[in-house]
Amino acid sequence: MLKLDVELGERSYPILIGPGLLAQSGILRPYIKGSRVLVVTNDVVAPLYLENLLASLQQDSSLQVDTLVLPDGEHCKTLATLQLIYDELLRQRHERSTTLIALGGGVTGDITGFAAATYQRGVNFIQVPTTLLSQVDSSVGGKTGVNHPLGKNMIGAFYQPQCVLADIDVLSTLPVRELQAGLAEVIKYALLGNHEFLVWLEQHIEALLAGDTALLTQAVKICCEEKARIVAADEREGGKRALLNLGHTFGHAIEAAMGYGNWLHGEAVAAGMVMAADLSHRLGWINADEAARARALIARAGLPVCPPPGISAEQFMSLMSVDKKVQSGKVRFILLRRLGDAVIESDIDTALLQQTLSAGADLCRS
């Protein structure tokens, strides 16, 4: 087992990474402060891993463990689903000393974390991510929340977990499409600040897609190290942490336009990163070969390299204008000065941006 720490003073917590962790009896007990637990999962993950988690928790007979199984999918990341968690907590008379455990992907983790942040003004919670995307990104850093029809993750809170447990073995049951979507966030870390990792990914992308446990463990470790370092420096995204949104300004617009869940988050981010590379090239920051290199890696991961054809430049602009990254009325983009060196930029030449937004078909043909 690998153990990393997110250094946030009194809110610091470990990330545990490795195969077979869910099967280890009592592994989460040190991070449960009281005697009550509510495990929140979804109807896809529950049949696969809920029994293993419950068996580990129930090794301690002093724990009272309740479970709640939610419907799965980005379209369920709503205030109505959040209400179901509150209902269960109140029905079972959970108190402020309770611990919520999120067993699932990014949707489950985000919504459970937001419930924990707001139930009785804050209770403990633990992340047990079961997708590659959630293991490398969404489970770490304390971002929690739900979607609004007009914008992704517009309602939420920064709220850190007590622990993140990333069992690499659970990735073996992921559908290929979900594994590919997770690789989008892995590639993101390479493009935004780790050129050595980019070279490593170019060497191993097919083996990662094939589910190589050792390589997946290494990828999760590197991504978590990168995120832990950035979060420790900028917990509430006042500056540098915004770099983690590479591809997300365009990607969130794609998700909203297509209807949440029709494009997976990683698929939308992948197309968004290609668009960010295209805009960076138009600005003269990276050359055509560098933009093509980023696009080629994303394509090798089986991910989209262009946005859906039905989204107009005007629709992109409208959707991006309500993104969380808007500041003082200006959309902030994460762009590339070079591969492995991302920057935050809001003063973008409108004509060049319009060219990128109108070039979706060209990006597919490139």
Protein backbone atom coordinates (compact mmCIF):
# COMPACT_ATOMS: atom_id res chain seq x y z
CA MET A 1 0.00 0.00 0.00
CA LEU A 2 1.19 3.51 -0.85
CA LYS A 3 0.32 6.35 1.52
CA LEU A 4 0.37 10.01 0.53
CA ASP A 5 -0.65 12.97 2.66
CA VAL A 6 -2.60 16.07 1.70
CA GLU A 7 -0.92 18.67 3.92
CA LEU A 8 -3.57 21.08 5.20
CA GLY A 9 -2.59 21.59 8.82
CA GLU A 10 -5.26 20.26 11.16
CA ARG A 11 -7.34 19.19 8.11
CA SER A 12 -4.55 17.03 6.66
CA TYR A 13 -5.48 13.53 5.60
CA PRO A 14 -3.98 10.45 3.94
CA ILE A 15 -4.58 8.95 0.50
CA LEU A 16 -4.19 5.17 0.61
CA ILE A 17 -3.43 3.58 -2.79
CA GLY A 18 -2.99 -0.04 -3.79
CA PRO A 19 -4.70 -3.28 -4.78
CA GLY A 20 -6.90 -5.23 -2.40
CA LEU A 21 -7.45 -2.44 0.13
CA LEU A 22 -11.21 -2.93 0.46
CA ALA A 23 -10.60 -6.49 1.63
CA GLN A 24 -8.39 -5.37 4.53
CA SER A 25 -10.35 -5.64 7.77
CA GLY A 26 -10.70 -2.42 9.67
CA ILE A 27 -8.60 -0.33 7.29
CA LEU A 28 -10.95 2.66 7.61
CA ARG A 29 -11.62 2.37 11.35
CA PRO A 30 -8.89 4.85 12.39
CA TYR A 31 -10.60 7.56 10.32
CA ILE A 32 -14.10 7.03 11.79
CA LYS A 33 -14.43 9.29 14.82
CA GLY A 34 -17.71 8.07 16.32
CA SER A 35 -19.78 4.89 16.37
CA ARG A 36 -22.25 5.69 13.56
CA VAL A 37 -21.63 5.35 9.81
CA LEU A 38 -23.76 5.90 6.74
CA VAL A 39 -22.33 4.34 3.59
CA VAL A 40 -23.64 6.11 0.49
CA THR A 41 -23.20 4.25 -2.79
CA ASN A 42 -25.06 3.75 -6.07
CA ASP A 43 -26.96 0.94 -7.75
CA VAL A 44 -24.05 0.05 -10.05
CA VAL A 45 -21.31 -0.10 -7.40
CA ALA A 46 -23.36 -1.59 -4.57
CA PRO A 47 -23.66 -5.11 -6.06
CA LEU A 48 -19.91 -5.17 -6.69
CA TYR A 49 -18.28 -3.71 -3.60
CA LEU A 50 -20.73 -2.80 -0.86
CA GLU A 51 -20.50 -6.24 0.75
CA ASN A 52 -16.69 -6.05 0.93
CA LEU A 53 -16.79 -2.61 2.54
CA LEU A 54 -19.44 -3.65 5.06
CA ALA A 55 -17.45 -6.77 5.97
CA SER A 56 -14.41 -4.62 6.71
CA LEU A 57 -16.39 -2.12 8.78
CA GLN A 58 -18.31 -4.75 10.72
CA GLN A 59 -15.12 -6.28 12.09
CA ASP A 60 -15.67 -3.66 14.79
CA SER A 61 -18.90 -4.64 16.56
CA SER A 62 -19.13 -1.20 18.17
CA LEU A 63 -19.92 0.42 14.81
CA GLN A 64 -23.53 0.89 13.71
CA VAL A 65 -23.48 0.96 9.92
CA ASP A 66 -26.40 2.10 7.74
CA THR A 67 -26.41 2.10 3.94
CA LEU A 68 -28.09 4.19 1.24
CA VAL A 69 -28.07 3.16 -2.43
CA LEU A 70 -28.66 6.04 -4.85
CA PRO A 71 -29.34 5.92 -8.59
CA ASP A 72 -26.18 6.18 -10.69
CA GLY A 73 -25.19 8.83 -13.20
CA GLU A 74 -24.31 12.48 -13.68
CA HIS A 75 -27.97 13.28 -14.32
CA CYS A 76 -28.63 12.29 -10.68
CA LYS A 77 -26.15 14.80 -9.26
CA THR A 78 -28.95 17.12 -8.15
CA LEU A 79 -30.48 18.75 -5.12
CA ALA A 80 -33.26 16.15 -5.26
CA THR A 81 -30.73 13.31 -4.84
CA LEU A 82 -28.94 15.24 -2.10
CA GLN A 83 -32.28 15.40 -0.29
CA LEU A 84 -32.36 11.58 -0.20
CA ILE A 85 -29.14 11.56 1.86
CA TYR A 86 -30.52 14.11 4.32
CA ASP A 87 -33.75 12.09 4.58
CA GLU A 88 -31.82 8.92 5.46
CA LEU A 89 -29.59 10.68 7.98
CA LEU A 90 -32.59 12.13 9.76
CA ARG A 91 -34.67 8.95 9.51
CA GLN A 92 -31.86 6.95 11.15
CA ARG A 93 -31.24 9.73 13.71
CA HIS A 94 -27.61 10.30 12.81
CA GLU A 95 -25.90 12.89 14.99
CA ARG A 96 -23.00 15.27 14.48
CA SER A 97 -20.52 12.53 15.43
CA THR A 98 -21.51 10.36 12.45
CA THR A 99 -19.26 9.58 9.47
CA LEU A 100 -20.44 9.41 5.87
CA ILE A 101 -18.54 7.07 3.55
CA ALA A 102 -18.84 7.68 -0.20
CA LEU A 103 -18.43 4.41 -2.12
CA GLY A 104 -18.56 5.16 -5.83
CA GLY A 105 -17.33 7.46 -8.56
CA GLY A 106 -17.13 11.22 -8.75
CA VAL A 107 -20.87 11.82 -8.59
CA THR A 108 -21.26 9.76 -5.42
CA GLY A 109 -18.20 11.37 -3.85
CA ASP A 110 -19.21 14.93 -4.70
CA ILE A 111 -22.80 14.63 -3.50
CA THR A 112 -21.93 12.68 -0.33
CA GLY A 113 -19.21 15.17 0.51
CA PHE A 114 -21.67 18.05 0.12
CA ALA A 115 -24.15 16.26 2.37
CA ALA A 116 -21.39 15.83 4.95
CA ALA A 117 -20.42 19.50 4.69
CA THR A 118 -23.97 20.66 5.37
CA TYR A 119 -25.62 18.05 7.62
CA GLN A 120 -25.75 19.56 11.11
CA ARG A 121 -23.23 22.11 9.79
CA GLY A 122 -20.61 19.47 9.07
CA VAL A 123 -19.88 15.83 9.83
CA ASN A 124 -16.90 13.64 8.98
CA PHE A 125 -16.70 11.79 5.69
CA ILE A 126 -14.42 9.34 3.89
CA GLN A 127 -13.91 8.89 0.14
CA VAL A 128 -13.72 5.37 -1.33
CA PRO A 129 -13.52 6.16 -5.08
CA THR A 130 -14.32 3.31 -7.48
CA THR A 131 -13.54 4.89 -10.87
CA LEU A 132 -10.19 5.95 -12.29
CA LEU A 133 -11.42 9.51 -12.69
CA SER A 134 -12.44 9.78 -9.06
CA GLN A 135 -9.26 8.10 -7.80
CA VAL A 136 -6.94 10.47 -9.64
CA ASP A 137 -8.94 13.65 -9.25
CA SER A 138 -12.38 14.24 -7.78
CA SER A 139 -11.94 12.35 -4.48
CA VAL A 140 -8.90 14.45 -3.53
CA GLY A 141 -9.02 18.10 -2.57
CA GLY A 142 -12.37 18.63 -0.91
CA LYS A 143 -14.51 19.91 -3.76
CA THR A 144 -18.08 18.80 -3.18
CA GLY A 145 -21.38 19.76 -4.77
CA VAL A 146 -24.22 19.19 -7.16
CA ASN A 147 -25.12 20.41 -10.63
CA HIS A 148 -27.66 23.03 -11.66
CA PRO A 149 -29.36 22.86 -15.07
CA LEU A 150 -27.51 26.04 -16.03
CA GLY A 151 -24.06 25.00 -14.81
CA LYS A 152 -21.99 22.09 -13.52
CA ASN A 153 -21.03 22.01 -9.82
CA MET A 154 -22.48 25.48 -9.27
CA ILE A 155 -23.82 24.56 -5.81
CA GLY A 156 -21.26 23.14 -3.40
CA ALA A 157 -18.59 23.62 -0.76
CA PHE A 158 -14.93 23.02 -0.08
CA TYR A 159 -14.93 20.26 2.54
CA GLN A 160 -12.04 17.87 3.13
CA PRO A 161 -12.46 14.14 3.85
CA GLN A 162 -10.80 12.28 6.71
CA CYS A 163 -9.24 9.79 4.30
CA VAL A 164 -9.24 8.69 0.65
CA LEU A 165 -8.94 4.95 -0.04
CA ALA A 166 -8.14 4.11 -3.68
CA ASP A 167 -8.31 0.34 -4.23
CA ILE A 168 -6.79 -0.29 -7.66
CA ASP A 169 -8.52 -3.68 -7.93
CA VAL A 170 -11.93 -2.06 -8.31
CA LEU A 171 -10.84 -0.61 -11.65
CA SER A 172 -10.96 -4.11 -13.15
CA THR A 173 -14.77 -3.95 -13.29
CA LEU A 174 -14.92 -0.55 -14.98
CA PRO A 175 -16.47 -0.47 -18.46
CA VAL A 176 -13.88 0.53 -21.08
CA ARG A 177 -15.62 3.85 -21.63
CA GLU A 178 -15.30 4.74 -17.93
CA LEU A 179 -11.62 3.78 -17.90
CA GLN A 180 -11.03 5.97 -20.94
CA ALA A 181 -12.85 8.86 -19.27
CA GLY A 182 -10.56 8.52 -16.25
CA LEU A 183 -7.51 8.65 -18.47
CA ALA A 184 -8.59 12.12 -19.60
CA GLU A 185 -7.89 13.42 -16.10
CA VAL A 186 -4.62 11.47 -15.98
CA ILE A 187 -3.51 13.12 -19.24
CA LYS A 188 -4.56 16.48 -17.82
CA TYR A 189 -1.94 16.25 -15.06
CA ALA A 190 0.75 15.53 -17.62
CA LEU A 191 -0.20 18.44 -19.87
CA LEU A 192 -0.59 21.03 -17.16
CA GLY A 193 2.65 20.56 -15.26
CA ASN A 194 4.59 17.32 -15.64
CA HIS A 195 6.33 16.78 -18.98
CA GLU A 196 8.17 13.69 -17.67
CA PHE A 197 4.79 12.14 -16.87
CA LEU A 198 3.61 13.02 -20.38
CA VAL A 199 6.47 11.01 -21.87
CA TRP A 200 5.66 8.13 -19.49
CA LEU A 201 2.01 8.17 -20.59
CA GLU A 202 2.98 8.14 -24.26
CA GLN A 203 4.96 4.98 -23.54
CA HIS A 204 2.26 3.21 -21.50
CA ILE A 205 -1.18 4.47 -22.60
CA GLU A 206 -2.23 1.19 -24.23
CA ALA A 207 -1.13 -0.86 -21.20
CA LEU A 208 -3.12 1.46 -18.94
CA LEU A 209 -6.17 0.91 -21.13
CA ALA A 210 -5.59 -2.82 -20.82
CA GLY A 211 -5.80 -2.53 -17.03
CA ASP A 212 -2.19 -3.16 -15.99
CA THR A 213 -2.41 -2.98 -12.18
CA ALA A 214 1.15 -1.83 -11.54
CA LEU A 215 0.95 0.94 -14.13
CA LEU A 216 -2.48 2.07 -12.92
CA THR A 217 -1.13 2.22 -9.37
CA GLN A 218 1.75 4.36 -10.57
CA ALA A 219 -0.57 6.66 -12.54
CA VAL A 220 -2.90 7.14 -9.58
CA LYS A 221 0.07 7.83 -7.31
CA ILE A 222 1.57 10.47 -9.61
CA CYS A 223 -1.76 12.23 -10.16
CA CYS A 224 -2.57 12.25 -6.45
CA GLU A 225 0.89 13.59 -5.64
CA GLU A 226 0.38 16.42 -8.13
CA LYS A 227 -3.07 17.26 -6.83
CA ALA A 228 -2.06 17.03 -3.16
CA ARG A 229 0.78 19.45 -3.80
CA ILE A 230 -1.47 21.96 -5.56
CA VAL A 231 -4.30 21.68 -3.03
CA ALA A 232 -1.87 22.17 -0.14
CA ALA A 233 -0.71 25.41 -1.76
CA ASP A 234 -4.18 26.68 -2.75
CA GLU A 235 -6.99 24.82 -0.98
CA ARG A 236 -9.88 27.07 -2.06
CA GLU A 237 -8.80 27.76 -5.63
CA GLY A 238 -7.75 31.35 -5.18
CA GLY A 239 -4.94 30.96 -7.70
CA LYS A 240 -2.79 28.02 -8.74
CA ARG A 241 -5.43 25.36 -8.09
CA ALA A 242 -7.43 26.71 -11.03
CA LEU A 243 -4.78 25.09 -13.27
CA LEU A 244 -6.47 21.77 -12.48
CA ASN A 245 -9.33 22.96 -14.69
CA LEU A 246 -7.37 22.47 -17.91
CA GLY A 247 -10.00 21.54 -20.52
CA HIS A 248 -12.85 22.09 -18.08
CA THR A 249 -14.09 25.49 -19.26
CA PHE A 250 -14.85 24.03 -22.66
CA GLY A 251 -15.72 20.63 -21.19
CA HIS A 252 -18.35 21.86 -18.74
CA ALA A 253 -20.04 23.73 -21.59
CA ILE A 254 -20.15 20.49 -23.60
CA GLU A 255 -21.69 18.59 -20.68
CA ALA A 256 -24.36 21.24 -20.14
CA ALA A 257 -25.17 21.49 -23.85
CA MET A 258 -25.47 17.73 -24.32
CA GLY A 259 -27.38 17.10 -21.08
CA TYR A 260 -25.51 15.79 -18.05
CA GLY A 261 -24.53 12.16 -18.46
CA ASN A 262 -24.77 11.94 -22.26
CA TRP A 263 -21.09 12.76 -22.50
CA LEU A 264 -19.03 11.50 -19.57
CA HIS A 265 -17.11 14.18 -17.71
CA GLY A 266 -13.77 12.79 -18.88
CA GLU A 267 -14.94 12.71 -22.50
CA ALA A 268 -15.97 16.36 -22.34
CA VAL A 269 -12.68 17.32 -20.64
CA ALA A 270 -10.73 15.44 -23.33
CA ALA A 271 -12.38 17.43 -26.13
CA GLY A 272 -11.93 20.55 -24.00
CA MET A 273 -8.19 19.93 -23.67
CA VAL A 274 -7.86 19.61 -27.45
CA MET A 275 -9.71 22.93 -27.78
CA ALA A 276 -7.43 24.49 -25.16
CA ALA A 277 -4.39 23.26 -27.10
CA ASP A 278 -5.89 24.64 -30.32
CA LEU A 279 -6.45 28.06 -28.73
CA SER A 280 -2.95 28.00 -27.23
CA HIS A 281 -1.58 27.36 -30.72
CA ARG A 282 -3.63 30.19 -32.23
CA LEU A 283 -2.21 32.49 -29.55
CA GLY A 284 1.28 31.49 -30.64
CA TRP A 285 2.18 29.77 -27.36
CA ILE A 286 2.59 26.19 -28.58
CA ASN A 287 3.40 25.11 -32.10
CA ALA A 288 1.34 22.90 -34.38
CA ASP A 289 3.40 19.80 -33.54
CA GLU A 290 2.81 20.28 -29.80
CA ALA A 291 -0.94 20.71 -30.31
CA ALA A 292 -0.96 17.59 -32.48
CA ARG A 293 1.04 15.68 -29.85
CA ALA A 294 -1.54 16.43 -27.16
CA ARG A 295 -4.39 15.52 -29.49
CA ALA A 296 -2.69 12.26 -30.51
CA LEU A 297 -2.31 11.06 -26.91
CA ILE A 298 -5.94 11.86 -26.18
CA ALA A 299 -7.00 9.96 -29.31
CA ARG A 300 -4.85 6.94 -28.33
CA ALA A 301 -6.77 6.85 -25.05
CA GLY A 302 -9.96 6.36 -27.07
CA LEU A 303 -11.28 9.81 -26.17
CA PRO A 304 -13.04 12.48 -28.27
CA VAL A 305 -10.73 15.01 -29.89
CA CYS A 306 -13.47 17.43 -30.95
CA PRO A 307 -16.71 18.75 -29.45
CA PRO A 308 -20.16 17.54 -30.56
CA PRO A 309 -20.96 19.10 -33.94
CA GLY A 310 -24.25 20.63 -32.83
CA ILE A 311 -22.85 23.18 -30.38
CA SER A 312 -22.47 26.62 -31.94
CA ALA A 313 -19.82 29.15 -30.97
CA GLU A 314 -22.59 31.34 -29.53
CA GLN A 315 -23.88 28.47 -27.38
CA PHE A 316 -20.36 27.77 -26.12
CA MET A 317 -19.94 31.43 -25.15
CA SER A 318 -23.29 31.53 -23.36
CA LEU A 319 -22.60 28.36 -21.37
CA MET A 320 -19.03 29.34 -20.49
CA SER A 321 -20.25 32.69 -19.17
CA VAL A 322 -21.94 30.93 -16.20
CA ASP A 323 -18.94 28.71 -15.39
CA LYS A 324 -17.48 28.92 -11.87
CA LYS A 325 -14.20 30.14 -13.36
CA VAL A 326 -15.74 33.43 -14.54
CA GLN A 327 -14.10 36.29 -12.65
CA SER A 328 -15.10 39.95 -12.92
CA GLY A 329 -17.28 39.04 -15.87
CA LYS A 330 -14.43 37.41 -17.79
CA VAL A 331 -14.14 33.72 -18.61
CA ARG A 332 -10.84 32.33 -17.36
CA PHE A 333 -9.17 29.73 -19.55
CA ILE A 334 -6.42 27.30 -18.62
CA LEU A 335 -4.06 27.27 -21.59
CA LEU A 336 -0.63 25.90 -22.46
CA ARG A 337 2.54 27.98 -22.77
CA ARG A 338 4.15 24.65 -23.65
CA LEU A 339 3.32 21.02 -22.97
CA GLY A 340 3.72 20.55 -19.23
CA ASP A 341 3.32 24.29 -18.49
CA ALA A 342 -0.23 25.59 -18.05
CA VAL A 343 -1.31 29.16 -17.28
CA ILE A 344 -4.52 30.94 -16.31
CA GLU A 345 -5.62 33.55 -18.85
CA SER A 346 -8.74 35.71 -19.13
CA ASP A 347 -7.65 38.35 -21.65
CA ILE A 348 -8.14 36.30 -24.79
CA ASP A 349 -8.38 37.71 -28.30
CA THR A 350 -12.08 37.23 -29.06
CA ALA A 351 -11.46 36.54 -32.73
CA LEU A 352 -9.03 33.71 -31.94
CA LEU A 353 -11.44 32.23 -29.39
CA GLN A 354 -14.23 32.32 -31.95
CA GLN A 355 -11.96 30.48 -34.39
CA THR A 356 -11.38 27.69 -31.86
CA LEU A 357 -15.08 27.47 -31.01
CA SER A 358 -15.99 27.26 -34.70
CA ALA A 359 -13.29 24.74 -35.58
CA GLY A 360 -14.77 21.56 -34.11
CA ALA A 361 -15.08 19.75 -37.43
CA ASP A 362 -11.56 20.79 -38.39
CA LEU A 363 -10.21 19.41 -35.10
CA CYS A 364 -11.75 16.03 -35.95
CA ARG A 365 -10.17 16.02 -39.39
CA SER A 366 -6.73 17.10 -38.16
